[in-house]
Structure formats: C-alpha cells, structure tokens
Amino acid sequence: MVGEKAFFNRMPQAYPLYTALKRTVLSRQPDSVIVIQKSQIAFKNKHPFMMVWLPIRTIKDRPSIYIVVSFGLDRAITHPRIIQGVQTTPQRIMHHTLISDPAQIDETFCSWIDESAYFARHH
C-alpha cells in the first residue's frame, strides 16, 4: 500500500492541493474512509464517492500542476469545470474535474461532492 504523501512522489507540487481537498471533504463528510491505491485515492462511505488521481501525461491547455477529481452521480452535470462525463452504468455518470488551485474547492464543487457522497451512501 502506498502512503498519501508517497502517492504524490511523481508530482509533489500537487500534494498541497490534495491536502486542501481532503481537509474540506472530511469537514463535510466526516464518516469518509480514505483508500490509497497505486493509481488513485478513493474517498468512500458505503461506496466510493470521490477519486483523486494525478494526470497521466501533459495535455495542452491544462495547468502544469493539478489533480483530477472524479465523482459519480445519477445525473449528468453540464458545467465548464467538468472536463468529461462518462456513463459507467445505466445509473451512474462519472464526472471528471481538475483542481489546480485551492480556491476551486468552492461551494459549487463541494455541492457536487456532497451529492456524490449522498448517492454513494444510498445506492
């Protein structure tokens, strides 16, 4: 098992983004369990509701340092901050967004994560 800080060895500058995200999510979802895997860090209650991962490669027009945050809902969100939505099952759409600044962990973003946590707990 990889530790949280070791997960960011490939991009240590992204670790403060993760710590800001973790602090905020745990303040809103205190019953969360964090599972650190090789390719992602999952936040779960009954089921996973948010995954954090590092970019695999450089992509044009993206910040140089960021984390990808994925979360599942039973509905599609259309918003400029959602970089992709993928229907993974008939009942679940995974949304992917980028966090490159702690200010992006705002009420809009947190409302999506809260909704995803509720969805994971009740479905």
Protein backbone atom coordinates (compact mmCIF):
# COMPACT_ATOMS: atom_id res chain seq x y z
CA MET A 1 0.00 0.00 0.00
CA VAL A 2 1.22 3.47 -0.91
CA GLY A 3 1.03 6.29 1.67
CA GLU A 4 -0.76 9.53 0.88
CA LYS A 5 2.39 11.61 0.54
CA ALA A 6 4.18 8.88 -1.42
CA PHE A 7 1.26 8.81 -3.86
CA PHE A 8 2.40 12.29 -4.95
CA ASN A 9 6.10 11.42 -5.47
CA ARG A 10 5.67 11.88 -9.23
CA MET A 11 4.18 15.36 -8.74
CA PRO A 12 4.93 16.59 -5.20
CA GLN A 13 3.72 20.12 -6.02
CA ALA A 14 0.18 18.69 -6.23
CA TYR A 15 0.21 17.39 -2.64
CA PRO A 16 -0.95 20.74 -1.13
CA LEU A 17 -3.96 20.67 -3.50
CA TYR A 18 -4.82 17.22 -2.19
CA THR A 19 -4.43 18.22 1.45
CA ALA A 20 -6.75 21.21 0.93
CA LEU A 21 -9.27 18.95 -0.79
CA LYS A 22 -9.03 16.27 1.90
CA ARG A 23 -9.48 18.80 4.71
CA THR A 24 -12.59 20.26 3.07
CA VAL A 25 -14.16 16.93 2.15
CA LEU A 26 -13.58 15.43 5.59
CA SER A 27 -15.11 18.50 7.24
CA ARG A 28 -18.28 17.93 5.18
CA GLN A 29 -18.20 14.13 5.05
CA PRO A 30 -16.60 13.12 8.37
CA ASP A 31 -17.58 9.44 8.04
CA SER A 32 -15.40 9.08 4.93
CA VAL A 33 -12.82 6.33 4.66
CA ILE A 34 -9.75 7.03 2.52
CA VAL A 35 -8.30 4.17 0.49
CA ILE A 36 -4.92 4.79 -1.13
CA GLN A 37 -4.19 2.70 -4.18
CA LYS A 38 -1.41 2.79 -6.73
CA SER A 39 -3.35 4.84 -9.28
CA GLN A 40 -5.89 6.75 -7.17
CA ILE A 41 -7.01 7.80 -3.74
CA ALA A 42 -10.65 6.94 -3.09
CA PHE A 43 -12.96 8.55 -0.56
CA LYS A 44 -15.80 6.26 0.41
CA ASN A 45 -18.70 5.82 2.77
CA LYS A 46 -20.83 2.80 1.85
CA HIS A 47 -19.31 3.01 -1.65
CA PRO A 48 -16.62 5.21 -3.23
CA PHE A 49 -17.89 8.72 -3.95
CA MET A 50 -14.75 10.60 -4.97
CA MET A 51 -11.45 9.57 -6.52
CA VAL A 52 -8.30 11.66 -6.78
CA TRP A 53 -5.61 10.89 -9.31
CA LEU A 54 -2.66 12.54 -10.98
CA PRO A 55 -2.56 13.38 -14.67
CA ILE A 56 -1.01 10.59 -16.70
CA ARG A 57 0.57 12.87 -19.31
CA THR A 58 0.87 16.53 -20.23
CA ILE A 59 -2.21 17.83 -22.01
CA LYS A 60 -2.21 21.07 -23.95
CA ASP A 61 -4.06 24.00 -22.32
CA ARG A 62 -4.10 22.42 -18.87
CA PRO A 63 -2.22 23.78 -15.85
CA SER A 64 1.24 22.35 -15.20
CA ILE A 65 0.24 21.22 -11.68
CA TYR A 66 -3.21 19.83 -10.88
CA ILE A 67 -5.12 16.85 -9.57
CA VAL A 68 -8.02 15.14 -11.28
CA VAL A 69 -11.08 14.59 -9.12
CA SER A 70 -13.73 12.11 -10.25
CA PHE A 71 -17.14 11.62 -8.70
CA GLY A 72 -20.28 9.71 -9.62
CA LEU A 73 -23.89 10.89 -9.76
CA ASP A 74 -27.15 9.58 -11.14
CA ARG A 75 -27.42 12.62 -13.40
CA ALA A 76 -25.19 14.48 -15.84
CA ILE A 77 -23.72 17.85 -14.90
CA THR A 78 -23.04 20.34 -17.65
CA HIS A 79 -20.63 22.94 -16.32
CA PRO A 80 -17.40 24.49 -17.65
CA ARG A 81 -15.43 22.89 -14.79
CA ILE A 82 -16.48 19.36 -15.75
CA ILE A 83 -13.90 18.19 -18.27
CA GLN A 84 -15.67 14.91 -19.01
CA GLY A 85 -18.74 12.94 -18.03
CA VAL A 86 -18.87 9.20 -18.72
CA GLN A 87 -21.86 6.95 -18.17
CA THR A 88 -20.25 3.96 -16.44
CA THR A 89 -23.52 2.16 -15.65
CA PRO A 90 -27.15 2.93 -16.51
CA GLN A 91 -27.48 4.58 -13.08
CA ARG A 92 -24.08 6.32 -12.78
CA ILE A 93 -22.29 9.08 -14.62
CA MET A 94 -18.68 9.67 -13.61
CA HIS A 95 -17.65 13.32 -13.80
CA HIS A 96 -14.03 14.42 -14.03
CA THR A 97 -12.82 17.86 -12.99
CA LEU A 98 -9.45 19.48 -12.35
CA ILE A 99 -8.22 21.20 -9.21
CA SER A 100 -5.21 23.43 -9.81
CA ASP A 101 -5.92 26.00 -7.09
CA PRO A 102 -7.41 25.51 -3.61
CA ALA A 103 -9.92 28.27 -4.46
CA GLN A 104 -11.56 25.81 -6.86
CA ILE A 105 -12.66 23.75 -3.84
CA ASP A 106 -15.59 26.13 -3.56
CA GLU A 107 -19.28 25.70 -2.78
CA THR A 108 -20.12 24.64 -6.34
CA PHE A 109 -17.51 21.90 -6.29
CA CYS A 110 -18.36 20.84 -2.72
CA SER A 111 -22.06 20.59 -3.56
CA TRP A 112 -21.18 18.03 -6.26
CA ILE A 113 -19.06 16.04 -3.82
CA ASP A 114 -21.78 16.18 -1.15
CA GLU A 115 -24.32 14.95 -3.70
CA SER A 116 -21.97 12.16 -4.77
CA ALA A 117 -21.44 11.10 -1.13
CA TYR A 118 -25.22 11.00 -0.63
CA PHE A 119 -25.65 9.00 -3.85
CA ALA A 120 -22.93 6.51 -2.81
CA ARG A 121 -24.45 6.08 0.63
CA HIS A 122 -27.99 5.44 -0.66
CA HIS A 123 -27.49 3.47 -3.89
